[in-house]
Amino acid sequence: MKKILSVLSNYGYWGVELTGPMIKLEQAGYELVFATPKGARPIALPPSYDEKYWDPPLGTCVNSRFDVEQVKSIKDSPKLDHPINISEWMPERPYFSSQNFIREWEKYFKIVRERHEEL
């Protein structure tokens, strides 16, 4: 079975943005492997599975009953229980405005080199 790496936020995802493609890809014979920046279980944003959610900028309800049912069927699924921790593959880059940016930047590249040598 072919696999697809699906990277999700640690801060929440919009439900149908995951379930729509995921269901179609699984029907086509693919397996989705989930990853998050820190390895935390991804969480569907509550408005994304609220059938009555009214999107102010769009001025309309954006979640169909079908989409809400799909999101609810996946959001607590064990498929999302143990995502890959991306920070174990690659460290988080320092912010350019951090006080010790140069030292943090050097440390970042040292870690990247060490992990690359491990491969």
PDB file of N, CA and C in Angstrom:
ATOM      1  N   MET A   1       0.846  -1.183   0.000  1.00  0.00           N
ATOM      2  CA  MET A   1       0.000   0.000   0.000  1.00  0.00           C
ATOM      3  C   MET A   1       0.887   1.242   0.000  1.00  0.00           C
ATOM      4  N   LYS A   2       0.564   2.192  -0.853  1.00  0.00           N
ATOM      5  CA  LYS A   2       1.309   3.448  -0.906  1.00  0.00           C
ATOM      6  C   LYS A   2       0.889   4.320   0.268  1.00  0.00           C
ATOM      7  N   LYS A   3       1.869   5.063   0.802  1.00  0.00           N
ATOM      8  CA  LYS A   3       1.604   5.913   1.960  1.00  0.00           C
ATOM      9  C   LYS A   3       1.773   7.380   1.593  1.00  0.00           C
ATOM     10  N   ILE A   4       1.010   8.212   2.272  1.00  0.00           N
ATOM     11  CA  ILE A   4       1.088   9.658   2.101  1.00  0.00           C
ATOM     12  C   ILE A   4       1.279  10.279   3.480  1.00  0.00           C
ATOM     13  N   LEU A   5       2.318  11.095   3.617  1.00  0.00           N
ATOM     14  CA  LEU A   5       2.555  11.799   4.868  1.00  0.00           C
ATOM     15  C   LEU A   5       1.623  13.008   4.918  1.00  0.00           C
ATOM     16  N   SER A   6       0.814  13.080   5.954  1.00  0.00           N
ATOM     17  CA  SER A   6      -0.132  14.173   6.133  1.00  0.00           C
ATOM     18  C   SER A   6       0.269  14.937   7.389  1.00  0.00           C
ATOM     19  N   VAL A   7       0.706  16.173   7.212  1.00  0.00           N
ATOM     20  CA  VAL A   7       1.177  16.992   8.325  1.00  0.00           C
ATOM     21  C   VAL A   7       0.039  17.886   8.808  1.00  0.00           C
ATOM     22  N   LEU A   8      -0.253  17.783  10.095  1.00  0.00           N
ATOM     23  CA  LEU A   8      -1.324  18.562  10.707  1.00  0.00           C
ATOM     24  C   LEU A   8      -0.751  19.448  11.811  1.00  0.00           C
ATOM     25  N   SER A   9      -1.439  20.528  12.089  1.00  0.00           N
ATOM     26  CA  SER A   9      -1.029  21.478  13.117  1.00  0.00           C
ATOM     27  C   SER A   9      -1.221  20.894  14.511  1.00  0.00           C
ATOM     28  N   ASN A  10      -0.406  21.356  15.453  1.00  0.00           N
ATOM     29  CA  ASN A  10      -0.624  21.034  16.864  1.00  0.00           C
ATOM     30  C   ASN A  10      -1.704  21.918  17.466  1.00  0.00           C
ATOM     31  N   TYR A  11      -2.152  22.923  16.736  1.00  0.00           N
ATOM     32  CA  TYR A  11      -3.099  23.904  17.266  1.00  0.00           C
ATOM     33  C   TYR A  11      -4.512  23.714  16.735  1.00  0.00           C
ATOM     34  N   GLY A  12      -4.742  22.682  15.968  1.00  0.00           N
ATOM     35  CA  GLY A  12      -6.070  22.403  15.453  1.00  0.00           C
ATOM     36  C   GLY A  12      -6.118  22.466  13.945  1.00  0.00           C
ATOM     37  N   TYR A  13      -6.990  21.647  13.368  1.00  0.00           N
ATOM     38  CA  TYR A  13      -7.153  21.618  11.911  1.00  0.00           C
ATOM     39  C   TYR A  13      -8.639  21.782  11.598  1.00  0.00           C
ATOM     40  N   TRP A  14      -8.915  22.304  10.409  1.00  0.00           N
ATOM     41  CA  TRP A  14     -10.297  22.418   9.957  1.00  0.00           C
ATOM     42  C   TRP A  14     -10.719  21.040   9.464  1.00  0.00           C
ATOM     43  N   GLY A  15     -11.733  20.482  10.072  1.00  0.00           N
ATOM     44  CA  GLY A  15     -12.117  19.096   9.874  1.00  0.00           C
ATOM     45  C   GLY A  15     -12.163  18.595   8.443  1.00  0.00           C
ATOM     46  N   VAL A  16     -12.953  19.244   7.596  1.00  0.00           N
ATOM     47  CA  VAL A  16     -13.154  18.746   6.238  1.00  0.00           C
ATOM     48  C   VAL A  16     -11.889  18.893   5.381  1.00  0.00           C
ATOM     49  N   GLU A  17     -10.961  19.770   5.792  1.00  0.00           N
ATOM     50  CA  GLU A  17      -9.703  19.878   5.059  1.00  0.00           C
ATOM     51  C   GLU A  17      -8.862  18.614   5.229  1.00  0.00           C
ATOM     52  N   LEU A  18      -9.147  17.859   6.274  1.00  0.00           N
ATOM     53  CA  LEU A  18      -8.505  16.553   6.441  1.00  0.00           C
ATOM     54  C   LEU A  18      -9.389  15.451   5.866  1.00  0.00           C
ATOM     55  N   THR A  19     -10.647  15.416   6.282  1.00  0.00           N
ATOM     56  CA  THR A  19     -11.492  14.273   5.929  1.00  0.00           C
ATOM     57  C   THR A  19     -11.804  14.183   4.439  1.00  0.00           C
ATOM     58  N   GLY A  20     -12.004  15.323   3.794  1.00  0.00           N
ATOM     59  CA  GLY A  20     -12.318  15.291   2.355  1.00  0.00           C
ATOM     60  C   GLY A  20     -11.257  14.553   1.553  1.00  0.00           C
ATOM     61  N   PRO A  21     -10.001  15.040   1.574  1.00  0.00           N
ATOM     62  CA  PRO A  21      -8.949  14.339   0.833  1.00  0.00           C
ATOM     63  C   PRO A  21      -8.644  12.947   1.395  1.00  0.00           C
ATOM     64  N   MET A  22      -8.677  12.812   2.736  1.00  0.00           N
ATOM     65  CA  MET A  22      -8.324  11.535   3.354  1.00  0.00           C
ATOM     66  C   MET A  22      -9.239  10.407   2.868  1.00  0.00           C
ATOM     67  N   ILE A  23     -10.520  10.642   2.876  1.00  0.00           N
ATOM     68  CA  ILE A  23     -11.462   9.598   2.475  1.00  0.00           C
ATOM     69  C   ILE A  23     -11.259   9.221   1.012  1.00  0.00           C
ATOM     70  N   LYS A  24     -11.079  10.217   0.154  1.00  0.00           N
ATOM     71  CA  LYS A  24     -10.850   9.931  -1.269  1.00  0.00           C
ATOM     72  C   LYS A  24      -9.546   9.172  -1.474  1.00  0.00           C
ATOM     73  N   LEU A  25      -8.498   9.561  -0.775  1.00  0.00           N
ATOM     74  CA  LEU A  25      -7.207   8.886  -0.923  1.00  0.00           C
ATOM     75  C   LEU A  25      -7.269   7.451  -0.404  1.00  0.00           C
ATOM     76  N   GLU A  26      -7.937   7.242   0.722  1.00  0.00           N
ATOM     77  CA  GLU A  26      -8.074   5.885   1.255  1.00  0.00           C
ATOM     78  C   GLU A  26      -8.894   5.010   0.305  1.00  0.00           C
ATOM     79  N   GLN A  27      -9.927   5.584  -0.295  1.00  0.00           N
ATOM     80  CA  GLN A  27     -10.727   4.829  -1.271  1.00  0.00           C
ATOM     81  C   GLN A  27      -9.881   4.439  -2.484  1.00  0.00           C
ATOM     82  N   ALA A  28      -8.874   5.264  -2.786  1.00  0.00           N
ATOM     83  CA  ALA A  28      -7.994   4.983  -3.923  1.00  0.00           C
ATOM     84  C   ALA A  28      -6.849   4.050  -3.548  1.00  0.00           C
ATOM     85  N   GLY A  29      -6.817   3.584  -2.287  1.00  0.00           N
ATOM     86  CA  GLY A  29      -5.827   2.602  -1.878  1.00  0.00           C
ATOM     87  C   GLY A  29      -4.610   3.161  -1.170  1.00  0.00           C
ATOM     88  N   TYR A  30      -4.642   4.414  -0.774  1.00  0.00           N
ATOM     89  CA  TYR A  30      -3.517   5.009  -0.061  1.00  0.00           C
ATOM     90  C   TYR A  30      -3.736   4.934   1.451  1.00  0.00           C
ATOM     91  N   GLU A  31      -2.624   4.911   2.165  1.00  0.00           N
ATOM     92  CA  GLU A  31      -2.674   4.984   3.625  1.00  0.00           C
ATOM     93  C   GLU A  31      -2.089   6.327   4.033  1.00  0.00           C
ATOM     94  N   LEU A  32      -2.807   7.081   4.858  1.00  0.00           N
ATOM     95  CA  LEU A  32      -2.282   8.342   5.357  1.00  0.00           C
ATOM     96  C   LEU A  32      -1.524   8.093   6.649  1.00  0.00           C
ATOM     97  N   VAL A  33      -0.328   8.642   6.717  1.00  0.00           N
ATOM     98  CA  VAL A  33       0.504   8.599   7.914  1.00  0.00           C
ATOM     99  C   VAL A  33       0.521  10.023   8.447  1.00  0.00           C
ATOM    100  N   PHE A  34       0.125  10.203   9.692  1.00  0.00           N
ATOM    101  CA  PHE A  34      -0.019  11.541  10.238  1.00  0.00           C
ATOM    102  C   PHE A  34       1.217  11.978  11.009  1.00  0.00           C
ATOM    103  N   ALA A  35       1.494  13.273  10.924  1.00  0.00           N
ATOM    104  CA  ALA A  35       2.614  13.878  11.643  1.00  0.00           C
ATOM    105  C   ALA A  35       2.183  15.257  12.120  1.00  0.00           C
ATOM    106  N   THR A  36       2.743  15.652  13.272  1.00  0.00           N
ATOM    107  CA  THR A  36       2.524  16.999  13.791  1.00  0.00           C
ATOM    108  C   THR A  36       3.877  17.557  14.220  1.00  0.00           C
ATOM    109  N   PRO A  37       4.004  18.876  14.321  1.00  0.00           N
ATOM    110  CA  PRO A  37       5.295  19.476  14.659  1.00  0.00           C
ATOM    111  C   PRO A  37       5.907  18.956  15.958  1.00  0.00           C
ATOM    112  N   LYS A  38       5.090  18.694  16.969  1.00  0.00           N
ATOM    113  CA  LYS A  38       5.607  18.247  18.271  1.00  0.00           C
ATOM    114  C   LYS A  38       5.167  16.837  18.637  1.00  0.00           C
ATOM    115  N   GLY A  39       4.467  16.155  17.738  1.00  0.00           N
ATOM    116  CA  GLY A  39       4.017  14.797  18.012  1.00  0.00           C
ATOM    117  C   GLY A  39       2.731  14.717  18.808  1.00  0.00           C
ATOM    118  N   ALA A  40       2.086  15.858  19.046  1.00  0.00           N
ATOM    119  CA  ALA A  40       0.813  15.854  19.780  1.00  0.00           C
ATOM    120  C   ALA A  40      -0.314  15.387  18.863  1.00  0.00           C
ATOM    121  N   ARG A  41      -1.313  14.783  19.452  1.00  0.00           N
ATOM    122  CA  ARG A  41      -2.466  14.318  18.680  1.00  0.00           C
ATOM    123  C   ARG A  41      -3.165  15.517  18.057  1.00  0.00           C
ATOM    124  N   PRO A  42      -3.414  15.477  16.759  1.00  0.00           N
ATOM    125  CA  PRO A  42      -4.111  16.599  16.127  1.00  0.00           C
ATOM    126  C   PRO A  42      -5.571  16.664  16.567  1.00  0.00           C
ATOM    127  N   ILE A  43      -6.078  17.881  16.673  1.00  0.00           N
ATOM    128  CA  ILE A  43      -7.431  18.113  17.165  1.00  0.00           C
ATOM    129  C   ILE A  43      -8.223  18.896  16.117  1.00  0.00           C
ATOM    130  N   ALA A  44      -9.418  18.411  15.826  1.00  0.00           N
ATOM    131  CA  ALA A  44     -10.305  19.140  14.912  1.00  0.00           C
ATOM    132  C   ALA A  44     -10.837  20.375  15.633  1.00  0.00           C
ATOM    133  N   LEU A  45     -10.786  21.516  14.958  1.00  0.00           N
ATOM    134  CA  LEU A  45     -11.327  22.741  15.541  1.00  0.00           C
ATOM    135  C   LEU A  45     -12.848  22.592  15.692  1.00  0.00           C
ATOM    136  N   PRO A  46     -13.395  22.863  16.876  1.00  0.00           N
ATOM    137  CA  PRO A  46     -14.833  22.668  17.097  1.00  0.00           C
ATOM    138  C   PRO A  46     -15.748  23.336  16.071  1.00  0.00           C
ATOM    139  N   PRO A  47     -15.463  24.557  15.606  1.00  0.00           N
ATOM    140  CA  PRO A  47     -16.372  25.124  14.593  1.00  0.00           C
ATOM    141  C   PRO A  47     -16.409  24.309  13.300  1.00  0.00           C
ATOM    142  N   SER A  48     -15.367  23.518  13.058  1.00  0.00           N
ATOM    143  CA  SER A  48     -15.313  22.759  11.805  1.00  0.00           C
ATOM    144  C   SER A  48     -16.222  21.539  11.799  1.00  0.00           C
ATOM    145  N   TYR A  49     -16.795  21.195  12.949  1.00  0.00           N
ATOM    146  CA  TYR A  49     -17.777  20.107  12.966  1.00  0.00           C
ATOM    147  C   TYR A  49     -19.073  20.541  13.652  1.00  0.00           C
ATOM    148  N   ASP A  50     -19.346  21.834  13.538  1.00  0.00           N
ATOM    149  CA  ASP A  50     -20.591  22.405  14.028  1.00  0.00           C
ATOM    150  C   ASP A  50     -21.442  22.767  12.802  1.00  0.00           C
ATOM    151  N   GLU A  51     -22.512  22.028  12.626  1.00  0.00           N
ATOM    152  CA  GLU A  51     -23.354  22.231  11.440  1.00  0.00           C
ATOM    153  C   GLU A  51     -23.976  23.632  11.395  1.00  0.00           C
ATOM    154  N   LYS A  52     -24.056  24.281  12.540  1.00  0.00           N
ATOM    155  CA  LYS A  52     -24.666  25.615  12.597  1.00  0.00           C
ATOM    156  C   LYS A  52     -23.628  26.737  12.586  1.00  0.00           C
ATOM    157  N   TYR A  53     -22.348  26.387  12.445  1.00  0.00           N
ATOM    158  CA  TYR A  53     -21.308  27.425  12.464  1.00  0.00           C
ATOM    159  C   TYR A  53     -21.490  28.388  11.294  1.00  0.00           C
ATOM    160  N   TRP A  54     -21.576  29.657  11.624  1.00  0.00           N
ATOM    161  CA  TRP A  54     -21.767  30.734  10.653  1.00  0.00           C
ATOM    162  C   TRP A  54     -20.431  31.440  10.495  1.00  0.00           C
ATOM    163  N   ASP A  55     -19.868  31.411   9.312  1.00  0.00           N
ATOM    164  CA  ASP A  55     -18.583  32.051   9.050  1.00  0.00           C
ATOM    165  C   ASP A  55     -18.818  33.544   8.792  1.00  0.00           C
ATOM    166  N   PRO A  56     -18.385  34.413   9.721  1.00  0.00           N
ATOM    167  CA  PRO A  56     -18.660  35.847   9.572  1.00  0.00           C
ATOM    168  C   PRO A  56     -18.137  36.462   8.258  1.00  0.00           C
ATOM    169  N   PRO A  57     -16.884  36.198   7.852  1.00  0.00           N
ATOM    170  CA  PRO A  57     -16.436  36.823   6.606  1.00  0.00           C
ATOM    171  C   PRO A  57     -17.232  36.369   5.377  1.00  0.00           C
ATOM    172  N   LEU A  58     -17.654  35.111   5.376  1.00  0.00           N
ATOM    173  CA  LEU A  58     -18.414  34.601   4.233  1.00  0.00           C
ATOM    174  C   LEU A  58     -19.904  34.889   4.346  1.00  0.00           C
ATOM    175  N   GLY A  59     -20.357  35.133   5.568  1.00  0.00           N
ATOM    176  CA  GLY A  59     -21.762  35.435   5.784  1.00  0.00           C
ATOM    177  C   GLY A  59     -22.675  34.257   5.510  1.00  0.00           C
ATOM    178  N   THR A  60     -22.192  33.056   5.791  1.00  0.00           N
ATOM    179  CA  THR A  60     -22.999  31.862   5.533  1.00  0.00           C
ATOM    180  C   THR A  60     -22.525  30.706   6.416  1.00  0.00           C
ATOM    181  N   CYS A  61     -23.367  29.690   6.506  1.00  0.00           N
ATOM    182  CA  CYS A  61     -22.978  28.430   7.151  1.00  0.00           C
ATOM    183  C   CYS A  61     -22.014  27.708   6.210  1.00  0.00           C
ATOM    184  N   VAL A  62     -20.944  27.184   6.734  1.00  0.00           N
ATOM    185  CA  VAL A  62     -19.939  26.576   5.853  1.00  0.00           C
ATOM    186  C   VAL A  62     -19.827  25.057   5.993  1.00  0.00           C
ATOM    187  N   ASN A  63     -20.524  24.467   6.955  1.00  0.00           N
ATOM    188  CA  ASN A  63     -20.406  23.028   7.190  1.00  0.00           C
ATOM    189  C   ASN A  63     -21.695  22.316   6.825  1.00  0.00           C
ATOM    190  N   SER A  64     -21.620  21.433   5.841  1.00  0.00           N
ATOM    191  CA  SER A  64     -22.792  20.628   5.501  1.00  0.00           C
ATOM    192  C   SER A  64     -22.934  19.492   6.507  1.00  0.00           C
ATOM    193  N   ARG A  65     -24.111  18.921   6.596  1.00  0.00           N
ATOM    194  CA  ARG A  65     -24.351  17.778   7.477  1.00  0.00           C
ATOM    195  C   ARG A  65     -23.409  16.624   7.116  1.00  0.00           C
ATOM    196  N   PHE A  66     -23.222  16.383   5.827  1.00  0.00           N
ATOM    197  CA  PHE A  66     -22.337  15.329   5.349  1.00  0.00           C
ATOM    198  C   PHE A  66     -20.911  15.552   5.854  1.00  0.00           C
ATOM    199  N   ASP A  67     -20.402  16.783   5.695  1.00  0.00           N
ATOM    200  CA  ASP A  67     -19.035  17.089   6.142  1.00  0.00           C
ATOM    201  C   ASP A  67     -18.892  16.944   7.650  1.00  0.00           C
ATOM    202  N   VAL A  68     -19.888  17.429   8.387  1.00  0.00           N
ATOM    203  CA  VAL A  68     -19.859  17.336   9.847  1.00  0.00           C
ATOM    204  C   VAL A  68     -19.820  15.875  10.283  1.00  0.00           C
ATOM    205  N   GLU A  69     -20.619  15.031   9.661  1.00  0.00           N
ATOM    206  CA  GLU A  69     -20.621  13.607  10.013  1.00  0.00           C
ATOM    207  C   GLU A  69     -19.265  12.965   9.718  1.00  0.00           C
ATOM    208  N   GLN A  70     -18.652  13.327   8.586  1.00  0.00           N
ATOM    209  CA  GLN A  70     -17.323  12.780   8.272  1.00  0.00           C
ATOM    210  C   GLN A  70     -16.293  13.207   9.313  1.00  0.00           C
ATOM    211  N   VAL A  71     -16.293  14.492   9.653  1.00  0.00           N
ATOM    212  CA  VAL A  71     -15.326  14.999  10.629  1.00  0.00           C
ATOM    213  C   VAL A  71     -15.520  14.323  11.976  1.00  0.00           C
ATOM    214  N   LYS A  72     -16.762  14.200  12.417  1.00  0.00           N
ATOM    215  CA  LYS A  72     -17.028  13.561  13.714  1.00  0.00           C
ATOM    216  C   LYS A  72     -16.596  12.093  13.714  1.00  0.00           C
ATOM    217  N   SER A  73     -16.679  11.443  12.571  1.00  0.00           N
ATOM    218  CA  SER A  73     -16.284  10.030  12.513  1.00  0.00           C
ATOM    219  C   SER A  73     -14.764   9.855  12.567  1.00  0.00           C
ATOM    220  N   ILE A  74     -14.022  10.901  12.263  1.00  0.00           N
ATOM    221  CA  ILE A  74     -12.559  10.809  12.225  1.00  0.00           C
ATOM    222  C   ILE A  74     -11.902  11.481  13.424  1.00  0.00           C
ATOM    223  N   LYS A  75     -12.493  12.546  13.957  1.00  0.00           N
ATOM    224  CA  LYS A  75     -11.812  13.385  14.945  1.00  0.00           C
ATOM    225  C   LYS A  75     -11.360  12.631  16.194  1.00  0.00           C
ATOM    226  N   ASP A  76     -12.079  11.605  16.600  1.00  0.00           N
ATOM    227  CA  ASP A  76     -11.694  10.818  17.772  1.00  0.00           C
ATOM    228  C   ASP A  76     -11.159   9.439  17.392  1.00  0.00           C
ATOM    229  N   SER A  77     -10.869   9.265  16.122  1.00  0.00           N
ATOM    230  CA  SER A  77     -10.410   7.985  15.610  1.00  0.00           C
ATOM    231  C   SER A  77      -9.014   7.642  16.128  1.00  0.00           C
ATOM    232  N   PRO A  78      -8.741   6.372  16.373  1.00  0.00           N
ATOM    233  CA  PRO A  78      -7.387   5.971  16.767  1.00  0.00           C
ATOM    234  C   PRO A  78      -6.351   6.244  15.673  1.00  0.00           C
ATOM    235  N   LYS A  79      -6.804   6.506  14.428  1.00  0.00           N
ATOM    236  CA  LYS A  79      -5.864   6.828  13.348  1.00  0.00           C
ATOM    237  C   LYS A  79      -5.004   8.033  13.703  1.00  0.00           C
ATOM    238  N   LEU A  80      -5.549   8.924  14.527  1.00  0.00           N
ATOM    239  CA  LEU A  80      -4.843  10.155  14.867  1.00  0.00           C
ATOM    240  C   LEU A  80      -4.091  10.081  16.196  1.00  0.00           C
ATOM    241  N   ASP A  81      -4.103   8.916  16.842  1.00  0.00           N
ATOM    242  CA  ASP A  81      -3.559   8.791  18.194  1.00  0.00           C
ATOM    243  C   ASP A  81      -2.051   8.981  18.312  1.00  0.00           C
ATOM    244  N   HIS A  82      -1.276   8.515  17.373  1.00  0.00           N
ATOM    245  CA  HIS A  82       0.179   8.534  17.539  1.00  0.00           C
ATOM    246  C   HIS A  82       0.860   9.120  16.303  1.00  0.00           C
ATOM    247  N   PRO A  83       0.719  10.428  16.103  1.00  0.00           N
ATOM    248  CA  PRO A  83       1.362  11.019  14.926  1.00  0.00           C
ATOM    249  C   PRO A  83       2.881  11.040  15.076  1.00  0.00           C
ATOM    250  N   ILE A  84       3.545  11.073  13.966  1.00  0.00           N
ATOM    251  CA  ILE A  84       5.003  11.213  13.958  1.00  0.00           C
ATOM    252  C   ILE A  84       5.350  12.586  14.511  1.00  0.00           C
ATOM    253  N   ASN A  85       6.408  12.650  15.286  1.00  0.00           N
ATOM    254  CA  ASN A  85       6.890  13.902  15.850  1.00  0.00           C
ATOM    255  C   ASN A  85       7.928  14.494  14.897  1.00  0.00           C
ATOM    256  N   ILE A  86       7.542  15.519  14.155  1.00  0.00           N
ATOM    257  CA  ILE A  86       8.448  16.114  13.167  1.00  0.00           C
ATOM    258  C   ILE A  86       9.685  16.703  13.831  1.00  0.00           C
ATOM    259  N   SER A  87       9.565  17.198  15.060  1.00  0.00           N
ATOM    260  CA  SER A  87      10.726  17.806  15.720  1.00  0.00           C
ATOM    261  C   SER A  87      11.828  16.786  15.998  1.00  0.00           C
ATOM    262  N   GLU A  88      11.495  15.487  15.974  1.00  0.00           N
ATOM    263  CA  GLU A  88      12.534  14.463  16.109  1.00  0.00           C
ATOM    264  C   GLU A  88      13.314  14.303  14.812  1.00  0.00           C
ATOM    265  N   TRP A  89      12.696  14.674  13.693  1.00  0.00           N
ATOM    266  CA  TRP A  89      13.383  14.627  12.396  1.00  0.00           C
ATOM    267  C   TRP A  89      14.193  15.883  12.157  1.00  0.00           C
ATOM    268  N   MET A  90      13.587  17.009  12.514  1.00  0.00           N
ATOM    269  CA  MET A  90      14.213  18.292  12.244  1.00  0.00           C
ATOM    270  C   MET A  90      13.879  19.249  13.372  1.00  0.00           C
ATOM    271  N   PRO A  91      14.881  19.908  13.922  1.00  0.00           N
ATOM    272  CA  PRO A  91      14.606  20.829  15.026  1.00  0.00           C
ATOM    273  C   PRO A  91      13.849  22.070  14.535  1.00  0.00           C
ATOM    274  N   GLU A  92      13.202  22.719  15.460  1.00  0.00           N
ATOM    275  CA  GLU A  92      12.494  23.952  15.127  1.00  0.00           C
ATOM    276  C   GLU A  92      13.509  25.063  14.901  1.00  0.00           C
ATOM    277  N   ARG A  93      13.328  25.804  13.818  1.00  0.00           N
ATOM    278  CA  ARG A  93      14.255  26.891  13.509  1.00  0.00           C
ATOM    279  C   ARG A  93      14.041  28.053  14.474  1.00  0.00           C
ATOM    280  N   PRO A  94      15.113  28.721  14.867  1.00  0.00           N
ATOM    281  CA  PRO A  94      14.963  29.876  15.759  1.00  0.00           C
ATOM    282  C   PRO A  94      14.346  31.069  15.026  1.00  0.00           C
ATOM    283  N   TYR A  95      13.725  31.924  15.806  1.00  0.00           N
ATOM    284  CA  TYR A  95      13.162  33.158  15.246  1.00  0.00           C
ATOM    285  C   TYR A  95      14.288  34.151  14.976  1.00  0.00           C
ATOM    286  N   PHE A  96      14.190  34.846  13.859  1.00  0.00           N
ATOM    287  CA  PHE A  96      15.211  35.828  13.507  1.00  0.00           C
ATOM    288  C   PHE A  96      15.291  36.961  14.527  1.00  0.00           C
ATOM    289  N   SER A  97      14.223  37.230  15.225  1.00  0.00           N
ATOM    290  CA  SER A  97      14.216  38.326  16.192  1.00  0.00           C
ATOM    291  C   SER A  97      14.567  37.876  17.610  1.00  0.00           C
ATOM    292  N   SER A  98      14.940  36.612  17.785  1.00  0.00           N
ATOM    293  CA  SER A  98      15.274  36.156  19.135  1.00  0.00           C
ATOM    294  C   SER A  98      16.579  36.807  19.598  1.00  0.00           C
ATOM    295  N   GLN A  99      16.700  36.933  20.899  1.00  0.00           N
ATOM    296  CA  GLN A  99      17.828  37.658  21.483  1.00  0.00           C
ATOM    297  C   GLN A  99      19.169  37.001  21.146  1.00  0.00           C
ATOM    298  N   ASN A 100      19.240  35.700  21.150  1.00  0.00           N
ATOM    299  CA  ASN A 100      20.481  34.967  20.859  1.00  0.00           C
ATOM    300  C   ASN A 100      20.414  34.298  19.497  1.00  0.00           C
ATOM    301  N   PHE A 101      19.882  34.983  18.510  1.00  0.00           N
ATOM    302  CA  PHE A 101      19.619  34.361  17.218  1.00  0.00           C
ATOM    303  C   PHE A 101      20.843  33.653  16.632  1.00  0.00           C
ATOM    304  N   ILE A 102      21.986  34.303  16.608  1.00  0.00           N
ATOM    305  CA  ILE A 102      23.172  33.707  15.969  1.00  0.00           C
ATOM    306  C   ILE A 102      23.549  32.402  16.661  1.00  0.00           C
ATOM    307  N   ARG A 103      23.584  32.379  17.988  1.00  0.00           N
ATOM    308  CA  ARG A 103      23.937  31.143  18.714  1.00  0.00           C
ATOM    309  C   ARG A 103      22.873  30.064  18.492  1.00  0.00           C
ATOM    310  N   GLU A 104      21.603  30.450  18.497  1.00  0.00           N
ATOM    311  CA  GLU A 104      20.522  29.482  18.258  1.00  0.00           C
ATOM    312  C   GLU A 104      20.582  28.952  16.827  1.00  0.00           C
ATOM    313  N   TRP A 105      20.931  29.790  15.881  1.00  0.00           N
ATOM    314  CA  TRP A 105      21.062  29.397  14.479  1.00  0.00           C
ATOM    315  C   TRP A 105      22.193  28.386  14.333  1.00  0.00           C
ATOM    316  N   GLU A 106      23.335  28.652  14.990  1.00  0.00           N
ATOM    317  CA  GLU A 106      24.464  27.712  14.954  1.00  0.00           C
ATOM    318  C   GLU A 106      24.060  26.372  15.560  1.00  0.00           C
ATOM    319  N   LYS A 107      23.363  26.418  16.696  1.00  0.00           N
ATOM    320  CA  LYS A 107      22.907  25.187  17.353  1.00  0.00           C
ATOM    321  C   LYS A 107      21.954  24.414  16.448  1.00  0.00           C
ATOM    322  N   TYR A 108      21.055  25.126  15.797  1.00  0.00           N
ATOM    323  CA  TYR A 108      20.102  24.508  14.879  1.00  0.00           C
ATOM    324  C   TYR A 108      20.845  23.713  13.800  1.00  0.00           C
ATOM    325  N   PHE A 109      21.815  24.344  13.144  1.00  0.00           N
ATOM    326  CA  PHE A 109      22.531  23.658  12.066  1.00  0.00           C
ATOM    327  C   PHE A 109      23.409  22.527  12.583  1.00  0.00           C
ATOM    328  N   LYS A 110      23.905  22.629  13.798  1.00  0.00           N
ATOM    329  CA  LYS A 110      24.666  21.532  14.402  1.00  0.00           C
ATOM    330  C   LYS A 110      23.756  20.307  14.575  1.00  0.00           C
ATOM    331  N   ILE A 111      22.556  20.542  15.076  1.00  0.00           N
ATOM    332  CA  ILE A 111      21.597  19.440  15.262  1.00  0.00           C
ATOM    333  C   ILE A 111      21.212  18.845  13.906  1.00  0.00           C
ATOM    334  N   VAL A 112      20.963  19.693  12.915  1.00  0.00           N
ATOM    335  CA  VAL A 112      20.607  19.209  11.577  1.00  0.00           C
ATOM    336  C   VAL A 112      21.729  18.328  11.027  1.00  0.00           C
ATOM    337  N   ARG A 113      22.974  18.764  11.158  1.00  0.00           N
ATOM    338  CA  ARG A 113      24.113  17.952  10.670  1.00  0.00           C
ATOM    339  C   ARG A 113      24.181  16.616  11.391  1.00  0.00           C
ATOM    340  N   GLU A 114      24.020  16.625  12.720  1.00  0.00           N
ATOM    341  CA  GLU A 114      24.081  15.388  13.501  1.00  0.00           C
ATOM    342  C   GLU A 114      22.983  14.415  13.090  1.00  0.00           C
ATOM    343  N   ARG A 115      21.790  14.911  12.898  1.00  0.00           N
ATOM    344  CA  ARG A 115      20.679  14.033  12.502  1.00  0.00           C
ATOM    345  C   ARG A 115      20.866  13.522  11.089  1.00  0.00           C
ATOM    346  N   HIS A 116      21.443  14.335  10.242  1.00  0.00           N
ATOM    347  CA  HIS A 116      21.717  13.918   8.866  1.00  0.00           C
ATOM    348  C   HIS A 116      22.763  12.792   8.863  1.00  0.00           C
ATOM    349  N   GLU A 117      23.777  12.911   9.731  1.00  0.00           N
ATOM    350  CA  GLU A 117      24.806  11.866   9.800  1.00  0.00           C
ATOM    351  C   GLU A 117      24.236  10.556  10.330  1.00  0.00           C
ATOM    352  N   GLU A 118      23.216  10.639  11.203  1.00  0.00           N
ATOM    353  CA  GLU A 118      22.577   9.431  11.750  1.00  0.00           C
ATOM    354  C   GLU A 118      21.864   8.635  10.655  1.00  0.00           C
ATOM    355  N   LEU A 119      21.386   9.352   9.642  1.00  0.00           N
ATOM    356  CA  LEU A 119      20.653   8.678   8.566  1.00  0.00           C
ATOM    357  C   LEU A 119      21.625   7.898   7.735  1.00  0.00           C
TER     358      LEU A 119
END
